[in-house]
């Protein structure tokens, strides 16, 4: 069976958007809703009709696609290097989580409770975001390997910012699971660059129309 590079690129774009948004939140205390909302909603979307439906539409991942395009073009900057580090770490944590059915069960059960909370308030409510951050802390953060987030100390000391960062990382892990499910592999950046770049070009074109 040939790989569906469009689906792989969509999921990788979501991982990239998560990494980019962690950076924006930690360094600038900026968490734009156009990028944050689709990631939040993906945590509750258990039965999407297809890969893109996990996030809504192609526009929902425009920030991730644009950043991924910069990475594919080998544009080098400290900011992009940091985003790449976050992505690599997110994918590494997904590999560890995949082997822990106990934690996956806990995550599923607690997401059901968070869904009820989101229905009562809304997905953006600070209590819902704090709940999602708590799920991440109690499960994924228990691994010896942790993602070291860099940013402005005055922002990172803020509890609301901490909750947003953890919720975004949680959504990044969700995207990494999806990436694996649709056929993504750890060496794609090196071995499948041409195929992914072709799919990304199409998605970028779609996202601006």
Protein backbone atom coordinates (compact mmCIF):
# COMPACT_ATOMS: atom_id res chain seq x y z
CA UNK A 1 0.00 0.00 0.00
CA UNK A 2 1.43 3.34 -1.03
CA UNK A 3 1.70 6.04 1.60
CA UNK A 4 -0.85 8.84 1.56
CA UNK A 5 1.53 11.77 1.75
CA UNK A 6 -1.28 14.32 1.91
CA UNK A 7 -2.55 12.82 5.17
CA UNK A 8 0.98 12.47 6.52
CA UNK A 9 1.72 16.10 5.69
CA UNK A 10 -1.53 17.29 7.29
CA UNK A 11 -0.68 15.52 10.54
CA UNK A 12 2.92 16.72 10.45
CA UNK A 13 1.64 20.25 9.85
CA UNK A 14 -0.43 19.92 13.02
CA UNK A 15 2.64 18.81 14.97
CA UNK A 16 4.52 21.79 13.55
CA UNK A 17 1.68 24.18 14.43
CA UNK A 18 1.77 22.91 18.01
CA UNK A 19 5.53 23.51 18.21
CA UNK A 20 5.18 26.98 16.69
CA UNK A 21 2.35 27.88 19.07
CA UNK A 22 4.32 26.72 22.12
CA UNK A 23 7.08 29.09 21.03
CA UNK A 24 4.69 32.01 20.46
CA UNK A 25 3.04 31.47 23.83
CA UNK A 26 6.23 30.98 25.85
CA UNK A 27 8.26 33.76 24.26
CA UNK A 28 5.63 36.37 23.42
CA UNK A 29 2.51 35.40 25.40
CA UNK A 30 0.67 35.28 22.10
CA UNK A 31 -1.72 32.39 21.48
CA UNK A 32 -3.78 33.33 18.41
CA UNK A 33 -7.15 31.62 18.33
CA UNK A 34 -6.92 30.80 14.63
CA UNK A 35 -4.08 28.41 15.47
CA UNK A 36 -5.03 27.44 19.04
CA UNK A 37 -8.71 26.58 18.51
CA UNK A 38 -8.20 23.78 15.96
CA UNK A 39 -5.60 22.15 18.20
CA UNK A 40 -7.91 22.30 21.23
CA UNK A 41 -10.82 20.89 19.26
CA UNK A 42 -8.70 18.02 17.93
CA UNK A 43 -8.36 16.67 21.48
CA UNK A 44 -12.12 16.16 21.62
CA UNK A 45 -12.63 15.02 18.03
CA UNK A 46 -12.53 11.26 18.51
CA UNK A 47 -14.29 10.23 15.31
CA UNK A 48 -13.16 12.48 12.44
CA UNK A 49 -14.34 11.47 8.99
CA UNK A 50 -10.83 11.96 7.61
CA UNK A 51 -7.43 13.33 8.61
CA UNK A 52 -8.19 16.96 7.80
CA UNK A 53 -11.55 16.77 9.57
CA UNK A 54 -9.63 16.32 12.83
CA UNK A 55 -8.84 20.04 12.63
CA UNK A 56 -11.77 21.33 10.61
CA UNK A 57 -10.30 22.44 7.30
CA UNK A 58 -7.05 23.32 5.57
CA UNK A 59 -7.13 26.91 6.84
CA UNK A 60 -7.01 25.67 10.43
CA UNK A 61 -3.42 24.48 9.94
CA UNK A 62 -2.12 27.36 7.83
CA UNK A 63 0.40 28.43 10.49
CA UNK A 64 1.76 24.91 10.72
CA UNK A 65 2.02 24.50 6.96
CA UNK A 66 3.85 27.83 6.55
CA UNK A 67 6.33 26.97 9.30
CA UNK A 68 6.84 23.46 7.93
CA UNK A 69 7.56 24.97 4.52
CA UNK A 70 10.33 27.08 6.07
CA UNK A 71 11.81 23.97 7.67
CA UNK A 72 11.69 22.04 4.40
CA UNK A 73 13.46 24.89 2.63
CA UNK A 74 16.29 24.64 5.16
CA UNK A 75 15.83 28.21 6.29
CA UNK A 76 18.01 28.48 9.36
CA UNK A 77 17.28 30.60 12.38
CA UNK A 78 17.31 30.12 16.11
CA UNK A 79 13.51 30.26 16.15
CA UNK A 80 13.16 27.49 13.54
CA UNK A 81 15.79 25.37 15.29
CA UNK A 82 13.74 25.64 18.49
CA UNK A 83 10.54 24.66 16.67
CA UNK A 84 12.28 21.66 15.14
CA UNK A 85 13.49 20.60 18.59
CA UNK A 86 9.95 20.76 19.94
CA UNK A 87 8.70 18.67 17.01
CA UNK A 88 11.36 16.00 17.47
CA UNK A 89 10.58 15.80 21.18
CA UNK A 90 6.82 15.59 20.58
CA UNK A 91 7.32 12.70 18.16
CA UNK A 92 9.66 10.98 20.63
CA UNK A 93 7.10 11.27 23.44
CA UNK A 94 4.43 9.81 21.17
CA UNK A 95 6.58 6.71 20.68
CA UNK A 96 6.81 6.26 24.45
CA UNK A 97 3.11 6.92 25.03
CA UNK A 98 2.14 4.40 22.33
CA UNK A 99 3.62 1.63 24.48
CA UNK A 100 1.66 2.63 27.59
CA UNK A 101 -1.90 1.39 27.24
CA UNK A 102 -2.54 2.27 30.89
CA UNK A 103 -1.80 5.95 30.30
CA UNK A 104 -3.78 5.95 27.05
CA UNK A 105 -6.79 4.63 28.95
CA UNK A 106 -6.41 7.32 31.60
CA UNK A 107 -6.18 10.00 28.91
CA UNK A 108 -9.31 8.71 27.18
CA UNK A 109 -11.33 8.64 30.41
CA UNK A 110 -10.23 12.08 31.51
CA UNK A 111 -10.89 13.57 28.07
CA UNK A 112 -14.47 12.35 28.36
CA UNK A 113 -14.79 14.33 31.59
CA UNK A 114 -13.11 17.34 30.01
CA UNK A 115 -15.63 17.11 27.16
CA UNK A 116 -18.48 17.42 29.64
CA UNK A 117 -16.77 20.44 31.16
CA UNK A 118 -16.27 22.01 27.72
CA UNK A 119 -19.95 21.45 26.92
CA UNK A 120 -20.89 23.25 30.12
CA UNK A 121 -18.58 26.22 29.51
CA UNK A 122 -16.71 26.34 26.20
CA UNK A 123 -13.44 25.05 24.79
CA UNK A 124 -11.62 28.30 25.54
CA UNK A 125 -12.63 28.52 29.18
CA UNK A 126 -9.64 28.73 31.50
CA UNK A 127 -10.94 25.78 33.52
CA UNK A 128 -11.07 23.56 30.43
CA UNK A 129 -7.56 24.55 29.39
CA UNK A 130 -6.33 23.94 32.94
CA UNK A 131 -8.01 20.52 32.88
CA UNK A 132 -6.26 19.59 29.62
CA UNK A 133 -2.96 20.80 31.07
CA UNK A 134 -3.58 18.62 34.10
CA UNK A 135 -4.13 15.53 31.95
CA UNK A 136 -0.82 16.21 30.21
CA UNK A 137 0.97 16.70 33.54
CA UNK A 138 -0.43 13.54 35.10
CA UNK A 139 0.30 11.28 32.12
CA UNK A 140 2.78 12.40 29.48
CA UNK A 141 4.87 14.47 31.89
CA UNK A 142 5.53 11.38 33.99
CA UNK A 143 8.04 10.10 31.41
CA UNK A 144 11.72 10.67 32.29
CA UNK A 145 12.08 12.57 29.02
CA UNK A 146 10.36 15.95 29.17
CA UNK A 147 10.11 18.82 26.74
CA UNK A 148 12.12 21.77 27.98
CA UNK A 149 10.19 24.87 26.98
CA UNK A 150 12.21 28.05 26.58
CA UNK A 151 10.73 31.51 26.75
CA UNK A 152 10.29 34.71 28.68
CA UNK A 153 10.53 33.86 32.40
CA UNK A 154 7.90 36.46 33.30
CA UNK A 155 5.43 34.68 31.01
CA UNK A 156 6.43 31.14 31.95
CA UNK A 157 5.84 31.92 35.64
CA UNK A 158 2.24 32.80 34.84
CA UNK A 159 -0.11 29.91 35.63
CA UNK A 160 -2.41 30.63 32.68
CA UNK A 161 0.54 30.56 30.27
CA UNK A 162 1.75 27.29 31.79
CA UNK A 163 -1.68 25.75 31.24
CA UNK A 164 -1.80 26.91 27.63
CA UNK A 165 1.67 25.54 26.88
CA UNK A 166 0.81 22.13 28.34
CA UNK A 167 -2.53 22.02 26.52
CA UNK A 168 -0.76 22.83 23.25
CA UNK A 169 1.86 20.13 23.85
CA UNK A 170 -0.97 17.71 24.60
CA UNK A 171 -2.52 18.59 21.24
CA UNK A 172 0.90 18.12 19.66
CA UNK A 173 1.02 14.57 21.00
CA UNK A 174 -2.49 14.03 19.56
CA UNK A 175 -1.19 15.18 16.19
CA UNK A 176 1.84 12.89 16.48
CA UNK A 177 -0.44 9.92 17.16
CA UNK A 178 -2.44 10.83 14.05
CA UNK A 179 0.78 11.21 12.06
CA UNK A 180 1.80 7.69 13.05
CA UNK A 181 -1.66 6.28 12.30
CA UNK A 182 -1.68 7.60 8.73
CA UNK A 183 1.79 6.23 7.99
CA UNK A 184 4.28 8.83 9.24
CA UNK A 185 7.73 7.53 10.14
CA UNK A 186 10.64 9.10 12.00
CA UNK A 187 12.93 9.29 8.95
CA UNK A 188 10.39 11.00 6.67
CA UNK A 189 12.20 14.33 6.91
CA UNK A 190 15.27 12.75 5.32
CA UNK A 191 13.91 9.98 3.11
CA UNK A 192 10.53 11.36 2.00
CA UNK A 193 11.30 15.06 1.74
CA UNK A 194 10.36 15.29 -1.95
CA UNK A 195 6.96 13.63 -1.53
CA UNK A 196 6.10 15.64 1.56
CA UNK A 197 7.20 18.89 -0.07
CA UNK A 198 4.94 18.22 -3.04
CA UNK A 199 1.95 17.58 -0.76
CA UNK A 200 2.80 20.64 1.33
CA UNK A 201 2.89 22.87 -1.75
CA UNK A 202 -0.65 21.78 -2.61
CA UNK A 203 -1.90 22.34 0.94
CA UNK A 204 -0.31 25.80 1.08
CA UNK A 205 -2.05 26.74 -2.16
CA UNK A 206 -5.39 25.52 -0.80
CA UNK A 207 -4.95 27.39 2.47
CA UNK A 208 -4.71 30.80 0.81
CA UNK A 209 -7.81 30.49 -1.36
